[in-house]
Amino acid sequence: MNLRPYRLAVAVTVAGAALLAGCASNKGAPNTIYDFGAPSAQVSTPVQPASLPPIVVMDATGGAVLDNERMVYRLNYADPLQARTYAGSRWSGTPLDLVTRRLKVRLAQAGVTVLSATDAANRVPILRIEVDDFVHAFSSTSASEGQILLRASVLADHRLVAQKSFAHNAPAPSQDAAGGVAALAAGTDRIALDLKNWLSTLDLQGK
């Protein structure tokens, strides 16, 4: 009896099983978890307490791609219409949660009295944020930036007081997930500053 074909089949089966086991172990590898880091003090001129009334900052809203922990990047030099995700890196929460928390912290650091939705009361202005883009974008293999685009709407007594779009592109210090995180955190901080300056130009006292 010729056992060579049988032994060959067994060897192929064992090799295939080992390959599948290796793939399974790779899929189970832990992800690197990122957030915006501790919000250190920001160098800016605080808003005077009387310049802005307390304001309710609602949780940011946005598309489904921003409502999960995946980290999105785009290769604009190759295909700007394709959203890709980093395989081994994740956010600690959704980008919408991260943006909401960061904006609240930065506004509070600037002297604004920030209230949550549960603190809403009559005649207290409301700030709504809708995030349209939040991505690590590559213009080439050696250059990238964190791109953020959002719309802010201020309402008072059920009427729209003002609305404005804010955008910022912050250069990434490295061309990887960590570089994208640093750029997006810096960009969010810059938009928070621009947002505070815009709010200070609005008549939120109803005078």
C-alpha atoms as a PDB file:
ATOM      1  CA  MET A   1       0.000   0.000   0.000  1.00  0.00           C
ATOM      2  CA  ASN A   2       1.390   3.423  -1.023  1.00  0.00           C
ATOM      3  CA  LEU A   3       1.181   5.738   1.992  1.00  0.00           C
ATOM      4  CA  ARG A   4       2.763   8.783   0.336  1.00  0.00           C
ATOM      5  CA  PRO A   5      -0.533  10.383  -0.848  1.00  0.00           C
ATOM      6  CA  TYR A   6      -2.070   9.804   2.580  1.00  0.00           C
ATOM      7  CA  ARG A   7       0.920  11.347   4.383  1.00  0.00           C
ATOM      8  CA  LEU A   8       0.858  14.335   2.003  1.00  0.00           C
ATOM      9  CA  ALA A   9      -2.844  14.925   2.691  1.00  0.00           C
ATOM     10  CA  VAL A  10      -2.229  14.785   6.448  1.00  0.00           C
ATOM     11  CA  ALA A  11       0.657  17.265   6.153  1.00  0.00           C
ATOM     12  CA  VAL A  12      -1.483  19.702   4.138  1.00  0.00           C
ATOM     13  CA  THR A  13      -4.313  19.439   6.683  1.00  0.00           C
ATOM     14  CA  VAL A  14      -1.959  20.105   9.607  1.00  0.00           C
ATOM     15  CA  ALA A  15      -0.371  23.084   7.832  1.00  0.00           C
ATOM     16  CA  GLY A  16      -3.785  24.538   7.065  1.00  0.00           C
ATOM     17  CA  ALA A  17      -4.883  24.147  10.670  1.00  0.00           C
ATOM     18  CA  ALA A  18      -1.725  25.889  11.870  1.00  0.00           C
ATOM     19  CA  LEU A  19      -2.312  28.753   9.442  1.00  0.00           C
ATOM     20  CA  LEU A  20      -5.900  29.197  10.608  1.00  0.00           C
ATOM     21  CA  ALA A  21      -4.758  29.137  14.232  1.00  0.00           C
ATOM     22  CA  GLY A  22      -2.217  31.869  13.466  1.00  0.00           C
ATOM     23  CA  CYS A  23      -4.862  34.043  11.817  1.00  0.00           C
ATOM     24  CA  ALA A  24      -7.189  33.578  14.767  1.00  0.00           C
ATOM     25  CA  SER A  25      -4.479  34.615  17.213  1.00  0.00           C
ATOM     26  CA  ASN A  26      -3.749  37.744  15.167  1.00  0.00           C
ATOM     27  CA  LYS A  27      -7.432  38.671  15.155  1.00  0.00           C
ATOM     28  CA  GLY A  28      -7.449  38.386  18.913  1.00  0.00           C
ATOM     29  CA  ALA A  29      -4.460  40.703  19.360  1.00  0.00           C
ATOM     30  CA  PRO A  30      -5.255  43.643  21.666  1.00  0.00           C
ATOM     31  CA  ASN A  31      -5.876  47.066  20.122  1.00  0.00           C
ATOM     32  CA  THR A  32      -4.006  50.222  21.051  1.00  0.00           C
ATOM     33  CA  ILE A  33      -6.561  52.523  22.714  1.00  0.00           C
ATOM     34  CA  TYR A  34      -6.310  56.293  22.242  1.00  0.00           C
ATOM     35  CA  ASP A  35      -8.047  59.362  23.623  1.00  0.00           C
ATOM     36  CA  PHE A  36      -7.245  63.096  23.658  1.00  0.00           C
ATOM     37  CA  GLY A  37      -5.132  62.867  26.799  1.00  0.00           C
ATOM     38  CA  ALA A  38      -5.451  65.013  29.896  1.00  0.00           C
ATOM     39  CA  PRO A  39      -6.742  68.508  29.040  1.00  0.00           C
ATOM     40  CA  SER A  40      -3.809  70.583  30.257  1.00  0.00           C
ATOM     41  CA  ALA A  41      -4.251  74.309  30.773  1.00  0.00           C
ATOM     42  CA  GLN A  42      -4.708  76.180  27.520  1.00  0.00           C
ATOM     43  CA  VAL A  43      -2.947  79.475  26.953  1.00  0.00           C
ATOM     44  CA  SER A  44      -5.717  81.943  26.164  1.00  0.00           C
ATOM     45  CA  THR A  45      -7.405  85.011  27.589  1.00  0.00           C
ATOM     46  CA  PRO A  46     -10.309  83.791  29.756  1.00  0.00           C
ATOM     47  CA  VAL A  47     -13.756  85.149  29.003  1.00  0.00           C
ATOM     48  CA  GLN A  48     -14.880  87.632  31.626  1.00  0.00           C
ATOM     49  CA  PRO A  49     -17.684  86.098  33.730  1.00  0.00           C
ATOM     50  CA  ALA A  50     -20.191  88.793  32.701  1.00  0.00           C
ATOM     51  CA  SER A  51     -19.525  88.443  28.954  1.00  0.00           C
ATOM     52  CA  LEU A  52     -21.362  85.141  28.531  1.00  0.00           C
ATOM     53  CA  PRO A  53     -24.355  83.684  30.351  1.00  0.00           C
ATOM     54  CA  PRO A  54     -24.406  79.984  31.318  1.00  0.00           C
ATOM     55  CA  ILE A  55     -24.927  77.820  28.249  1.00  0.00           C
ATOM     56  CA  VAL A  56     -26.157  74.261  27.779  1.00  0.00           C
ATOM     57  CA  VAL A  57     -23.754  72.267  25.607  1.00  0.00           C
ATOM     58  CA  MET A  58     -25.552  69.335  24.034  1.00  0.00           C
ATOM     59  CA  ASP A  59     -23.791  66.103  23.076  1.00  0.00           C
ATOM     60  CA  ALA A  60     -22.298  66.337  19.600  1.00  0.00           C
ATOM     61  CA  THR A  61     -24.092  64.505  16.804  1.00  0.00           C
ATOM     62  CA  GLY A  62     -22.807  63.167  13.490  1.00  0.00           C
ATOM     63  CA  GLY A  63     -22.830  60.332  11.009  1.00  0.00           C
ATOM     64  CA  ALA A  64     -22.668  56.627  11.840  1.00  0.00           C
ATOM     65  CA  VAL A  65     -18.935  56.487  11.088  1.00  0.00           C
ATOM     66  CA  LEU A  66     -18.368  58.812  14.069  1.00  0.00           C
ATOM     67  CA  ASP A  67     -20.612  56.877  16.441  1.00  0.00           C
ATOM     68  CA  ASN A  68     -18.239  53.966  17.079  1.00  0.00           C
ATOM     69  CA  GLU A  69     -14.668  53.524  18.310  1.00  0.00           C
ATOM     70  CA  ARG A  70     -13.004  52.924  14.931  1.00  0.00           C
ATOM     71  CA  MET A  71     -10.229  55.324  13.880  1.00  0.00           C
ATOM     72  CA  VAL A  72     -10.804  56.537  10.331  1.00  0.00           C
ATOM     73  CA  TYR A  73      -8.182  57.737   7.861  1.00  0.00           C
ATOM     74  CA  ARG A  74      -8.166  58.662   4.167  1.00  0.00           C
ATOM     75  CA  LEU A  75      -5.462  58.437   1.524  1.00  0.00           C
ATOM     76  CA  ASN A  76      -6.437  61.603  -0.335  1.00  0.00           C
ATOM     77  CA  TYR A  77      -3.548  61.178  -2.772  1.00  0.00           C
ATOM     78  CA  ALA A  78      -4.898  57.762  -3.827  1.00  0.00           C
ATOM     79  CA  ASP A  79      -8.667  57.688  -3.253  1.00  0.00           C
ATOM     80  CA  PRO A  80     -10.196  60.530  -1.210  1.00  0.00           C
ATOM     81  CA  LEU A  81     -13.634  58.889  -1.383  1.00  0.00           C
ATOM     82  CA  GLN A  82     -12.590  55.764   0.527  1.00  0.00           C
ATOM     83  CA  ALA A  83     -12.779  55.823   4.327  1.00  0.00           C
ATOM     84  CA  ARG A  84     -10.338  53.326   5.848  1.00  0.00           C
ATOM     85  CA  THR A  85      -9.888  52.243   9.459  1.00  0.00           C
ATOM     86  CA  TYR A  86      -6.742  51.468  11.437  1.00  0.00           C
ATOM     87  CA  ALA A  87      -6.724  47.731  12.106  1.00  0.00           C
ATOM     88  CA  GLY A  88      -4.909  47.743  15.456  1.00  0.00           C
ATOM     89  CA  SER A  89      -5.980  51.073  16.937  1.00  0.00           C
ATOM     90  CA  ARG A  90      -9.227  52.268  18.512  1.00  0.00           C
ATOM     91  CA  TRP A  91     -10.615  55.319  20.271  1.00  0.00           C
ATOM     92  CA  SER A  92     -11.488  54.923  23.961  1.00  0.00           C
ATOM     93  CA  GLY A  93     -14.977  56.213  23.105  1.00  0.00           C
ATOM     94  CA  THR A  94     -16.717  57.454  20.003  1.00  0.00           C
ATOM     95  CA  PRO A  95     -15.291  60.559  18.280  1.00  0.00           C
ATOM     96  CA  LEU A  96     -18.584  62.295  19.079  1.00  0.00           C
ATOM     97  CA  ASP A  97     -18.059  61.632  22.794  1.00  0.00           C
ATOM     98  CA  LEU A  98     -14.439  62.772  22.654  1.00  0.00           C
ATOM     99  CA  VAL A  99     -15.304  66.005  20.854  1.00  0.00           C
ATOM    100  CA  THR A 100     -18.166  66.733  23.267  1.00  0.00           C
ATOM    101  CA  ARG A 101     -16.020  66.283  26.366  1.00  0.00           C
ATOM    102  CA  ARG A 102     -13.111  68.288  24.955  1.00  0.00           C
ATOM    103  CA  LEU A 103     -15.262  71.230  23.904  1.00  0.00           C
ATOM    104  CA  LYS A 104     -16.943  71.345  27.312  1.00  0.00           C
ATOM    105  CA  VAL A 105     -13.599  71.297  29.109  1.00  0.00           C
ATOM    106  CA  ARG A 106     -12.037  73.978  26.919  1.00  0.00           C
ATOM    107  CA  LEU A 107     -15.069  76.273  27.156  1.00  0.00           C
ATOM    108  CA  ALA A 108     -15.103  75.878  30.940  1.00  0.00           C
ATOM    109  CA  GLN A 109     -11.370  76.631  31.101  1.00  0.00           C
ATOM    110  CA  ALA A 110     -12.062  79.822  29.138  1.00  0.00           C
ATOM    111  CA  GLY A 111     -14.496  80.980  31.812  1.00  0.00           C
ATOM    112  CA  VAL A 112     -17.795  79.835  30.301  1.00  0.00           C
ATOM    113  CA  THR A 113     -20.329  78.266  32.665  1.00  0.00           C
ATOM    114  CA  VAL A 114     -21.064  74.989  30.875  1.00  0.00           C
ATOM    115  CA  LEU A 115     -24.304  73.176  31.670  1.00  0.00           C
ATOM    116  CA  SER A 116     -25.495  69.754  30.523  1.00  0.00           C
ATOM    117  CA  ALA A 117     -28.857  68.915  28.969  1.00  0.00           C
ATOM    118  CA  THR A 118     -30.220  67.848  32.363  1.00  0.00           C
ATOM    119  CA  ASP A 119     -29.500  71.343  33.665  1.00  0.00           C
ATOM    120  CA  ALA A 120     -31.506  73.062  30.922  1.00  0.00           C
ATOM    121  CA  ALA A 121     -33.921  75.735  32.053  1.00  0.00           C
ATOM    122  CA  ASN A 122     -36.028  78.450  30.491  1.00  0.00           C
ATOM    123  CA  ARG A 123     -34.072  81.273  28.865  1.00  0.00           C
ATOM    124  CA  VAL A 124     -30.772  79.374  29.044  1.00  0.00           C
ATOM    125  CA  PRO A 125     -29.129  79.338  25.582  1.00  0.00           C
ATOM    126  CA  ILE A 126     -28.343  75.959  24.052  1.00  0.00           C
ATOM    127  CA  LEU A 127     -25.310  75.072  21.946  1.00  0.00           C
ATOM    128  CA  ARG A 128     -25.732  72.225  19.469  1.00  0.00           C
ATOM    129  CA  ILE A 129     -22.742  70.709  17.653  1.00  0.00           C
ATOM    130  CA  GLU A 130     -22.920  68.564  14.524  1.00  0.00           C
ATOM    131  CA  VAL A 131     -19.632  67.006  13.403  1.00  0.00           C
ATOM    132  CA  ASP A 132     -19.403  66.666   9.621  1.00  0.00           C
ATOM    133  CA  ASP A 133     -15.816  65.405   9.328  1.00  0.00           C
ATOM    134  CA  PHE A 134     -13.275  64.017  11.771  1.00  0.00           C
ATOM    135  CA  VAL A 135     -10.502  62.133  10.004  1.00  0.00           C
ATOM    136  CA  HIS A 136      -6.759  61.591   9.689  1.00  0.00           C
ATOM    137  CA  ALA A 137      -6.161  62.617   6.075  1.00  0.00           C
ATOM    138  CA  PHE A 138      -2.998  61.843   4.093  1.00  0.00           C
ATOM    139  CA  SER A 139      -2.029  64.249   1.295  1.00  0.00           C
ATOM    140  CA  SER A 140       0.974  62.014   0.467  1.00  0.00           C
ATOM    141  CA  THR A 141       2.862  59.094   1.980  1.00  0.00           C
ATOM    142  CA  SER A 142       4.922  61.540   4.032  1.00  0.00           C
ATOM    143  CA  ALA A 143       2.402  64.226   5.027  1.00  0.00           C
ATOM    144  CA  SER A 144      -0.950  64.114   6.804  1.00  0.00           C
ATOM    145  CA  GLU A 145      -3.244  66.168   9.008  1.00  0.00           C
ATOM    146  CA  GLY A 146      -6.212  65.889  11.303  1.00  0.00           C
ATOM    147  CA  GLN A 147      -9.233  67.360   9.537  1.00  0.00           C
ATOM    148  CA  ILE A 148     -12.219  68.527  11.575  1.00  0.00           C
ATOM    149  CA  LEU A 149     -15.384  70.168  10.288  1.00  0.00           C
ATOM    150  CA  LEU A 150     -18.389  70.928  12.479  1.00  0.00           C
ATOM    151  CA  ARG A 151     -21.437  73.170  12.636  1.00  0.00           C
ATOM    152  CA  ALA A 152     -22.439  75.025  15.745  1.00  0.00           C
ATOM    153  CA  SER A 153     -25.980  76.280  16.346  1.00  0.00           C
ATOM    154  CA  VAL A 154     -27.075  78.460  19.244  1.00  0.00           C
ATOM    155  CA  LEU A 155     -30.725  78.479  20.261  1.00  0.00           C
ATOM    156  CA  ALA A 156     -32.530  80.561  22.856  1.00  0.00           C
ATOM    157  CA  ASP A 157     -36.216  80.442  23.749  1.00  0.00           C
ATOM    158  CA  HIS A 158     -36.752  77.877  20.972  1.00  0.00           C
ATOM    159  CA  ARG A 159     -35.361  80.167  18.289  1.00  0.00           C
ATOM    160  CA  LEU A 160     -32.154  79.984  16.303  1.00  0.00           C
ATOM    161  CA  VAL A 161     -29.821  82.770  17.394  1.00  0.00           C
ATOM    162  CA  ALA A 162     -26.885  81.970  15.105  1.00  0.00           C
ATOM    163  CA  GLN A 163     -25.180  79.168  13.235  1.00  0.00           C
ATOM    164  CA  LYS A 164     -21.621  78.857  11.979  1.00  0.00           C
ATOM    165  CA  SER A 165     -19.297  76.208  10.515  1.00  0.00           C
ATOM    166  CA  PHE A 166     -15.848  75.680  11.975  1.00  0.00           C
ATOM    167  CA  ALA A 167     -12.990  73.841  10.283  1.00  0.00           C
ATOM    168  CA  HIS A 168      -9.383  73.224  11.194  1.00  0.00           C
ATOM    169  CA  ASN A 169      -6.602  71.121   9.686  1.00  0.00           C
ATOM    170  CA  ALA A 170      -3.807  70.362  12.140  1.00  0.00           C
ATOM    171  CA  PRO A 171      -0.573  68.793  10.820  1.00  0.00           C
ATOM    172  CA  ALA A 172       0.170  65.314  12.170  1.00  0.00           C
ATOM    173  CA  PRO A 173       3.580  64.836  13.818  1.00  0.00           C
ATOM    174  CA  SER A 174       3.849  61.283  12.445  1.00  0.00           C
ATOM    175  CA  GLN A 175       2.216  59.306   9.651  1.00  0.00           C
ATOM    176  CA  ASP A 176       0.451  56.716  11.788  1.00  0.00           C
ATOM    177  CA  ALA A 177      -2.463  56.363  14.176  1.00  0.00           C
ATOM    178  CA  ALA A 178      -0.648  58.135  17.007  1.00  0.00           C
ATOM    179  CA  GLY A 179       0.121  61.086  14.746  1.00  0.00           C
ATOM    180  CA  GLY A 180      -3.514  61.286  13.683  1.00  0.00           C
ATOM    181  CA  VAL A 181      -4.663  61.310  17.304  1.00  0.00           C
ATOM    182  CA  ALA A 182      -2.305  64.171  18.190  1.00  0.00           C
ATOM    183  CA  ALA A 183      -3.478  66.196  15.178  1.00  0.00           C
ATOM    184  CA  LEU A 184      -7.175  65.653  15.877  1.00  0.00           C
ATOM    185  CA  ALA A 185      -6.759  66.572  19.549  1.00  0.00           C
ATOM    186  CA  ALA A 186      -4.920  69.789  18.597  1.00  0.00           C
ATOM    187  CA  GLY A 187      -7.533  70.606  15.970  1.00  0.00           C
ATOM    188  CA  THR A 188     -10.386  70.130  18.437  1.00  0.00           C
ATOM    189  CA  ASP A 189      -8.662  72.453  20.908  1.00  0.00           C
ATOM    190  CA  ARG A 190      -8.287  75.120  18.224  1.00  0.00           C
ATOM    191  CA  ILE A 191     -11.946  74.870  17.246  1.00  0.00           C
ATOM    192  CA  ALA A 192     -12.931  75.167  20.914  1.00  0.00           C
ATOM    193  CA  LEU A 193     -11.040  78.452  21.077  1.00  0.00           C
ATOM    194  CA  ASP A 194     -12.669  79.715  17.877  1.00  0.00           C
ATOM    195  CA  LEU A 195     -16.049  78.615  19.189  1.00  0.00           C
ATOM    196  CA  LYS A 196     -15.569  80.528  22.448  1.00  0.00           C
ATOM    197  CA  ASN A 197     -14.570  83.667  20.572  1.00  0.00           C
ATOM    198  CA  TRP A 198     -17.654  83.356  18.340  1.00  0.00           C
ATOM    199  CA  LEU A 199     -19.993  82.865  21.290  1.00  0.00           C
ATOM    200  CA  SER A 200     -18.637  86.024  22.887  1.00  0.00           C
ATOM    201  CA  THR A 201     -19.829  88.036  19.854  1.00  0.00           C
ATOM    202  CA  LEU A 202     -23.447  86.851  20.152  1.00  0.00           C
ATOM    203  CA  ASP A 203     -26.245  88.457  22.118  1.00  0.00           C
ATOM    204  CA  LEU A 204     -27.146  85.573  24.401  1.00  0.00           C
ATOM    205  CA  GLN A 205     -28.670  87.740  27.100  1.00  0.00           C
ATOM    206  CA  GLY A 206     -31.735  88.524  25.010  1.00  0.00           C
ATOM    207  CA  LYS A 207     -31.200  92.245  25.288  1.00  0.00           C
END
